[in-house]
Amino acid sequence: MTKREKPRTATVDGVDVILLTPGQHAGLESARRQLGGAQAHVARLRLDLRRSQELLGEVERVLAHLPVGQVEPAGGPLAEGRGIADLLADIRALLPHTPASEKRP
């Protein structure tokens, strides 16, 4: 591993500042843009997750109000021996998992 150089500093109007070469400044600006793009991506993912959780809640509310005799297995996800609870478990398994500490009302 290469040893990092100590940053060059100067005092301007009584304030210590770090001096960058044009290449270092360009690299810093590039890193800032990348971070901004990553933050925007995380915000979109968080929104998608929230919408997915809301959709699952709505599906659960709709299915909870269906009369038991009205729901008939038709193959696929509700094949023989599988019910609404199994379908909901499948949907939950497909949604991204979030730690409990991140859940917000």
Protein backbone atom coordinates (compact mmCIF):
# COMPACT_ATOMS: atom_id res chain seq x y z
CA MET A 1 0.00 0.00 0.00
CA THR A 2 1.35 3.43 -0.88
CA LYS A 3 1.84 5.97 1.82
CA ARG A 4 -0.47 8.96 1.46
CA GLU A 5 1.07 12.35 1.34
CA LYS A 6 0.07 14.82 3.99
CA PRO A 7 -2.26 17.38 2.38
CA ARG A 8 -0.77 20.75 1.63
CA THR A 9 -2.30 23.48 3.73
CA ALA A 10 -2.17 27.23 3.84
CA THR A 11 -3.68 29.97 5.96
CA VAL A 12 -5.85 32.47 4.13
CA ASP A 13 -7.29 35.37 6.12
CA GLY A 14 -6.64 33.44 9.32
CA VAL A 15 -8.43 30.28 8.09
CA ASP A 16 -6.56 27.04 7.44
CA VAL A 17 -7.35 25.65 3.98
CA ILE A 18 -6.25 22.54 2.07
CA LEU A 19 -4.65 23.15 -1.30
CA LEU A 20 -5.60 20.86 -4.19
CA THR A 21 -4.06 20.43 -7.61
CA PRO A 22 -6.48 20.80 -10.55
CA GLY A 23 -6.46 16.99 -10.92
CA GLN A 24 -7.29 16.47 -7.26
CA HIS A 25 -10.09 19.03 -7.48
CA ALA A 26 -11.52 17.31 -10.58
CA GLY A 27 -11.41 13.97 -8.75
CA LEU A 28 -13.19 15.49 -5.76
CA GLU A 29 -15.91 16.96 -7.98
CA SER A 30 -16.34 13.61 -9.74
CA ALA A 31 -16.69 11.82 -6.40
CA ARG A 32 -19.32 14.35 -5.31
CA ARG A 33 -21.33 13.78 -8.49
CA GLN A 34 -21.14 10.01 -8.02
CA LEU A 35 -22.31 10.35 -4.43
CA GLY A 36 -25.21 12.56 -5.52
CA GLY A 37 -26.22 9.98 -8.12
CA ALA A 38 -26.04 7.18 -5.55
CA GLN A 39 -28.15 9.19 -3.11
CA ALA A 40 -30.79 9.77 -5.80
CA HIS A 41 -30.81 6.04 -6.57
CA VAL A 42 -31.28 5.18 -2.89
CA ALA A 43 -34.15 7.68 -2.67
CA ARG A 44 -35.85 6.03 -5.68
CA LEU A 45 -35.38 2.57 -4.16
CA ARG A 46 -36.80 3.77 -0.84
CA LEU A 47 -39.85 5.19 -2.65
CA ASP A 48 -40.33 1.93 -4.59
CA LEU A 49 -40.10 -0.04 -1.36
CA ARG A 50 -42.66 2.19 0.36
CA ARG A 51 -45.05 1.86 -2.61
CA SER A 52 -44.59 -1.93 -2.63
CA GLN A 53 -45.37 -2.12 1.07
CA GLU A 54 -48.47 0.03 0.57
CA LEU A 55 -49.58 -2.20 -2.30
CA LEU A 56 -49.11 -5.30 -0.17
CA GLY A 57 -51.19 -3.70 2.58
CA GLU A 58 -53.94 -2.95 0.08
CA VAL A 59 -53.85 -6.53 -1.28
CA GLU A 60 -54.09 -7.86 2.27
CA ARG A 61 -57.12 -5.62 3.00
CA VAL A 62 -58.90 -6.68 -0.20
CA LEU A 63 -58.21 -10.38 0.30
CA ALA A 64 -59.22 -10.24 3.95
CA HIS A 65 -62.72 -9.09 2.95
CA LEU A 66 -63.33 -11.83 0.36
CA PRO A 67 -65.71 -14.54 1.52
CA VAL A 68 -63.86 -17.83 1.96
CA GLY A 69 -66.20 -19.69 -0.41
CA GLN A 70 -65.66 -17.08 -3.14
CA VAL A 71 -61.94 -17.74 -3.48
CA GLU A 72 -61.32 -20.84 -5.54
CA PRO A 73 -57.92 -22.26 -6.43
CA ALA A 74 -57.27 -21.77 -10.14
CA GLY A 75 -53.79 -23.24 -10.45
CA GLY A 76 -50.61 -21.23 -10.29
CA PRO A 77 -49.99 -19.39 -7.02
CA LEU A 78 -53.28 -20.68 -5.56
CA ALA A 79 -52.91 -24.26 -6.72
CA GLU A 80 -54.37 -27.18 -4.80
CA GLY A 81 -53.59 -26.96 -1.10
CA ARG A 82 -52.52 -23.31 -1.22
CA GLY A 83 -54.63 -20.46 0.04
CA ILE A 84 -54.57 -16.71 0.36
CA ALA A 85 -52.15 -16.86 3.28
CA ASP A 86 -49.67 -18.72 1.06
CA LEU A 87 -50.10 -16.14 -1.71
CA LEU A 88 -49.48 -13.29 0.73
CA ALA A 89 -46.37 -15.07 2.04
CA ASP A 90 -45.11 -15.37 -1.56
CA ILE A 91 -45.71 -11.65 -2.14
CA ARG A 92 -43.92 -10.72 1.10
CA ALA A 93 -40.97 -12.93 0.13
CA LEU A 94 -40.59 -11.02 -3.15
CA LEU A 95 -40.54 -7.61 -1.47
CA PRO A 96 -37.22 -6.18 -0.30
CA HIS A 97 -36.66 -6.68 3.41
CA THR A 98 -36.00 -3.65 5.63
CA PRO A 99 -34.59 -3.70 9.12
CA ALA A 100 -37.14 -2.86 11.80
CA SER A 101 -35.14 0.23 12.79
CA GLU A 102 -35.81 1.80 9.36
CA LYS A 103 -39.59 1.35 9.43
CA ARG A 104 -41.44 4.63 9.61
CA PRO A 105 -45.14 5.30 10.16
